[in-house]
Amino acid sequence: MLKLASKATARALQNRLAKQNVAYGHWTFLRILWQDDGLSVTELCRRAGVAKPAGATALHAMEKLGYLTKEQKPDNQKAIYIYLTAQGRELEKKLVPLALEVNELALNGLRKSQRESLRTTLSVIIKNLETENS
């Protein structure tokens, strides 16, 4: 049931993002960078839960779209750091409301106490599985 709920939620968000010409695969990277800009590719991929080669491909596409820039720091020529452009930052105003809309749609009909219980339960499940996989 978790998988079905996750897939339905992802599909609903993907449909909304597509109307804004934003790939679903870019959403997680954008969301992370809106909160913590200037991460290394390695750290960004780790936080997104994406393998580095797949992440690098997505980040390259996002760079071509003008959402981000890649920079090296003088003291570390090996690591590449990712920074949002004004265009990438501006997407936050358009895309976050879409995600909130999907969340509200998913939780429609649940009382506040049920929503809180669901959030707590899902947090425990995530923590349990992350512990198992680390």
Protein backbone atom coordinates (compact mmCIF):
# COMPACT_ATOMS: atom_id res chain seq x y z
CA MET A 1 0.00 0.00 0.00
CA LEU A 2 2.92 2.32 0.69
CA LYS A 3 4.25 1.71 -2.80
CA LEU A 4 0.86 2.36 -4.40
CA ALA A 5 0.40 5.57 -2.41
CA SER A 6 3.92 6.68 -3.29
CA LYS A 7 3.42 5.98 -6.99
CA ALA A 8 0.08 7.79 -7.08
CA THR A 9 1.54 10.80 -5.29
CA ALA A 10 4.56 10.88 -7.59
CA ARG A 11 2.34 10.60 -10.66
CA ALA A 12 0.13 13.48 -9.48
CA LEU A 13 3.18 15.69 -8.90
CA GLN A 14 4.80 14.59 -12.15
CA ASN A 15 1.69 15.64 -14.09
CA ARG A 16 1.72 19.08 -12.48
CA LEU A 17 5.46 19.56 -13.00
CA ALA A 18 5.13 18.57 -16.67
CA LYS A 19 2.64 21.42 -17.18
CA GLN A 20 5.43 23.75 -15.98
CA ASN A 21 7.94 22.04 -18.31
CA VAL A 22 9.93 20.69 -15.36
CA ALA A 23 11.06 17.07 -15.36
CA TYR A 24 10.03 15.04 -12.34
CA GLY A 25 13.65 13.90 -11.96
CA HIS A 26 14.71 17.50 -11.36
CA TRP A 27 12.24 18.09 -8.53
CA THR A 28 14.26 16.47 -5.75
CA PHE A 29 17.45 18.31 -6.69
CA LEU A 30 15.62 21.64 -6.84
CA ARG A 31 13.93 21.03 -3.50
CA ILE A 32 17.26 20.28 -1.82
CA LEU A 33 19.02 23.26 -3.41
CA TRP A 34 16.22 25.65 -2.43
CA GLN A 35 17.00 24.72 1.16
CA ASP A 36 20.78 24.31 0.95
CA ASP A 37 22.38 25.85 -2.14
CA GLY A 38 26.03 25.26 -2.98
CA LEU A 39 26.35 21.55 -2.24
CA SER A 40 28.91 19.31 -3.90
CA VAL A 41 27.60 16.92 -6.54
CA THR A 42 28.46 14.02 -4.24
CA GLU A 43 26.54 15.46 -1.29
CA LEU A 44 23.59 16.51 -3.43
CA CYS A 45 23.28 13.03 -4.91
CA ARG A 46 23.58 11.47 -1.45
CA ARG A 47 20.78 13.65 -0.09
CA ALA A 48 18.62 12.95 -3.13
CA GLY A 49 19.21 9.21 -2.82
CA VAL A 50 20.44 9.04 -6.40
CA ALA A 51 23.54 7.32 -7.76
CA LYS A 52 26.20 9.84 -8.74
CA PRO A 53 26.22 8.98 -12.49
CA ALA A 54 22.43 9.40 -12.75
CA GLY A 55 22.60 12.56 -10.66
CA ALA A 56 25.34 14.00 -12.83
CA THR A 57 23.20 13.41 -15.92
CA ALA A 58 20.20 15.16 -14.36
CA LEU A 59 22.35 18.06 -13.13
CA HIS A 60 23.88 18.48 -16.58
CA ALA A 61 20.38 18.70 -18.09
CA MET A 62 19.36 21.22 -15.41
CA GLU A 63 22.43 23.30 -16.18
CA LYS A 64 21.51 23.34 -19.89
CA LEU A 65 18.01 24.53 -18.93
CA GLY A 66 19.55 27.40 -16.97
CA TYR A 67 18.44 26.21 -13.51
CA LEU A 68 21.92 25.89 -12.02
CA THR A 69 25.61 26.47 -12.44
CA LYS A 70 28.56 24.27 -11.53
CA GLU A 71 31.65 25.69 -9.89
CA GLN A 72 34.94 24.49 -8.52
CA LYS A 73 36.49 26.07 -5.47
CA PRO A 74 40.12 27.20 -5.66
CA ASP A 75 41.08 25.06 -2.66
CA ASN A 76 39.42 21.91 -4.08
CA GLN A 77 39.64 21.51 -7.84
CA LYS A 78 38.30 17.96 -7.65
CA ALA A 79 34.85 18.64 -6.20
CA ILE A 80 32.12 20.37 -8.21
CA TYR A 81 29.61 22.52 -6.37
CA ILE A 82 26.08 23.23 -7.55
CA TYR A 83 24.43 26.65 -7.27
CA LEU A 84 20.97 27.67 -8.36
CA THR A 85 20.61 30.46 -10.89
CA ALA A 86 17.94 33.12 -10.49
CA GLN A 87 15.81 31.05 -12.86
CA GLY A 88 16.25 27.93 -10.73
CA ARG A 89 15.44 29.82 -7.55
CA GLU A 90 12.37 31.40 -9.19
CA LEU A 91 10.94 27.94 -9.86
CA GLU A 92 10.38 27.52 -6.12
CA LYS A 93 7.47 29.98 -6.22
CA LYS A 94 5.77 27.98 -8.97
CA LEU A 95 6.57 24.42 -7.98
CA VAL A 96 6.23 24.27 -4.19
CA PRO A 97 2.53 25.19 -4.36
CA LEU A 98 2.05 22.28 -6.77
CA ALA A 99 3.60 19.86 -4.27
CA LEU A 100 1.46 21.30 -1.48
CA GLU A 101 -1.60 20.84 -3.70
CA VAL A 102 -0.72 17.18 -4.24
CA ASN A 103 -0.18 16.66 -0.51
CA GLU A 104 -3.52 18.28 0.28
CA LEU A 105 -5.25 16.17 -2.37
CA ALA A 106 -3.68 13.01 -0.93
CA LEU A 107 -4.78 13.88 2.61
CA ASN A 108 -8.27 15.04 1.67
CA GLY A 109 -10.86 13.65 4.07
CA LEU A 110 -8.42 12.95 6.89
CA ARG A 111 -8.90 14.73 10.20
CA LYS A 112 -5.97 16.70 11.66
CA SER A 113 -5.27 13.93 14.18
CA GLN A 114 -5.22 11.33 11.38
CA ARG A 115 -2.82 13.47 9.35
CA GLU A 116 -0.50 13.82 12.33
CA SER A 117 -0.68 10.09 13.04
CA LEU A 118 0.09 9.30 9.39
CA ARG A 119 3.08 11.66 9.39
CA THR A 120 4.42 10.07 12.60
CA THR A 121 3.89 6.55 11.26
CA LEU A 122 5.58 7.30 7.94
CA SER A 123 8.51 8.94 9.75
CA VAL A 124 9.02 5.79 11.81
CA ILE A 125 8.83 3.59 8.71
CA ILE A 126 11.37 5.76 6.89
CA LYS A 127 13.72 5.79 9.88
CA ASN A 128 13.46 2.01 10.29
CA LEU A 129 14.25 1.36 6.64
CA GLU A 130 17.06 3.93 6.48
CA THR A 131 18.65 2.28 9.52
CA GLU A 132 18.30 -1.11 7.84
CA ASN A 133 19.94 0.14 4.65
CA SER A 134 22.83 2.07 6.17
